[in-house]
Amino acid sequence: MPQHKSAKTRVRRNARREDINTARKSRIRSAVRAMTEATAAGDAKAAEAQLRKTTAEVQRGVSKGVLQKNTAARTVSRLTKAMKKLSA
């Protein structure tokens, strides 16, 4: 257990940040899953709308420090590629 006041504060803040980051990662994973399901269903219109939402969520994760930039770029690239394949 932390003894110093600042260390106790850090424990509380870290727990709070962990909850926020976990929720944010979960939102990103859910958006990616929804996009994958939309492309698997073959619905180009729904997939296009979902791609926009997913891309925004992933980029928000990068700006908040939850995802690494290259990981996000790879994810968006793969989803966009699947979208293009569906609409072609």
Protein backbone atom coordinates (compact mmCIF):
# COMPACT_ATOMS: atom_id res chain seq x y z
CA MET A 1 0.00 0.00 0.00
CA PRO A 2 1.25 3.47 -0.79
CA GLN A 3 2.24 5.60 2.17
CA HIS A 4 2.70 9.04 0.64
CA LYS A 5 -0.26 11.22 -0.18
CA SER A 6 0.83 11.64 -3.80
CA ALA A 7 1.22 7.87 -4.21
CA LYS A 8 -2.30 7.31 -2.86
CA THR A 9 -3.63 9.88 -5.31
CA ARG A 10 -1.77 8.16 -8.14
CA VAL A 11 -3.35 4.82 -7.27
CA ARG A 12 -6.82 6.39 -7.46
CA ARG A 13 -6.05 8.22 -10.70
CA ASN A 14 -4.52 5.15 -12.32
CA ALA A 15 -7.59 3.09 -11.48
CA ARG A 16 -9.86 5.75 -12.94
CA ARG A 17 -7.75 6.03 -16.14
CA GLU A 18 -7.70 2.25 -16.46
CA ASP A 19 -11.50 2.15 -16.43
CA ILE A 20 -11.73 4.90 -19.03
CA ASN A 21 -9.13 3.29 -21.30
CA THR A 22 -10.77 -0.14 -20.99
CA ALA A 23 -14.12 1.33 -22.00
CA ARG A 24 -12.53 3.15 -24.92
CA LYS A 25 -10.78 -0.03 -26.17
CA SER A 26 -14.05 -1.91 -25.85
CA ARG A 27 -15.85 0.72 -27.96
CA ILE A 28 -13.15 0.43 -30.61
CA ARG A 29 -13.36 -3.37 -30.69
CA SER A 30 -17.16 -3.23 -30.90
CA ALA A 31 -16.99 -0.78 -33.81
CA VAL A 32 -14.49 -2.97 -35.67
CA ARG A 33 -16.66 -6.03 -35.05
CA ALA A 34 -19.76 -4.23 -36.35
CA MET A 35 -17.84 -3.17 -39.46
CA THR A 36 -16.65 -6.73 -40.05
CA GLU A 37 -20.19 -8.05 -39.69
CA ALA A 38 -21.52 -5.43 -42.11
CA THR A 39 -18.98 -6.39 -44.76
CA ALA A 40 -19.61 -10.10 -44.19
CA ALA A 41 -23.34 -9.52 -44.70
CA GLY A 42 -22.56 -7.85 -48.02
CA ASP A 43 -24.45 -4.65 -47.21
CA ALA A 44 -22.31 -1.96 -48.87
CA LYS A 45 -24.39 0.99 -47.65
CA ALA A 46 -24.35 -0.11 -44.01
CA ALA A 47 -20.67 -1.01 -44.25
CA GLU A 48 -19.82 2.44 -45.59
CA ALA A 49 -21.66 4.16 -42.75
CA GLN A 50 -20.07 1.84 -40.22
CA LEU A 51 -16.60 2.44 -41.72
CA ARG A 52 -16.96 6.16 -41.01
CA LYS A 53 -17.96 5.50 -37.39
CA THR A 54 -15.22 2.93 -36.90
CA THR A 55 -12.52 5.14 -38.38
CA ALA A 56 -13.55 8.00 -36.11
CA GLU A 57 -13.50 5.74 -33.05
CA VAL A 58 -10.07 4.33 -33.91
CA GLN A 59 -8.61 7.80 -34.53
CA ARG A 60 -10.05 9.00 -31.23
CA GLY A 61 -8.29 6.07 -29.57
CA VAL A 62 -5.00 7.17 -31.09
CA SER A 63 -5.41 10.76 -29.97
CA LYS A 64 -6.25 9.62 -26.44
CA GLY A 65 -3.21 7.31 -26.31
CA VAL A 66 -5.13 4.03 -26.16
CA LEU A 67 -3.96 2.75 -29.55
CA GLN A 68 -0.61 3.09 -31.24
CA LYS A 69 -0.61 5.08 -34.47
CA ASN A 70 0.62 2.23 -36.69
CA THR A 71 -1.86 -0.25 -35.23
CA ALA A 72 -4.71 2.14 -35.93
CA ALA A 73 -3.48 2.79 -39.46
CA ARG A 74 -3.28 -0.95 -40.14
CA THR A 75 -6.78 -1.53 -38.77
CA VAL A 76 -8.32 1.29 -40.80
CA SER A 77 -6.44 0.15 -43.90
CA ARG A 78 -7.75 -3.40 -43.62
CA LEU A 79 -11.31 -2.24 -43.05
CA THR A 80 -11.14 0.19 -45.97
CA LYS A 81 -9.73 -2.55 -48.18
CA ALA A 82 -12.62 -4.84 -47.23
CA MET A 83 -15.07 -2.02 -47.96
CA LYS A 84 -13.57 -1.39 -51.41
CA LYS A 85 -13.69 -5.11 -52.18
CA LEU A 86 -17.36 -5.18 -51.22
CA SER A 87 -18.35 -2.19 -53.35
CA ALA A 88 -16.35 -3.32 -56.41
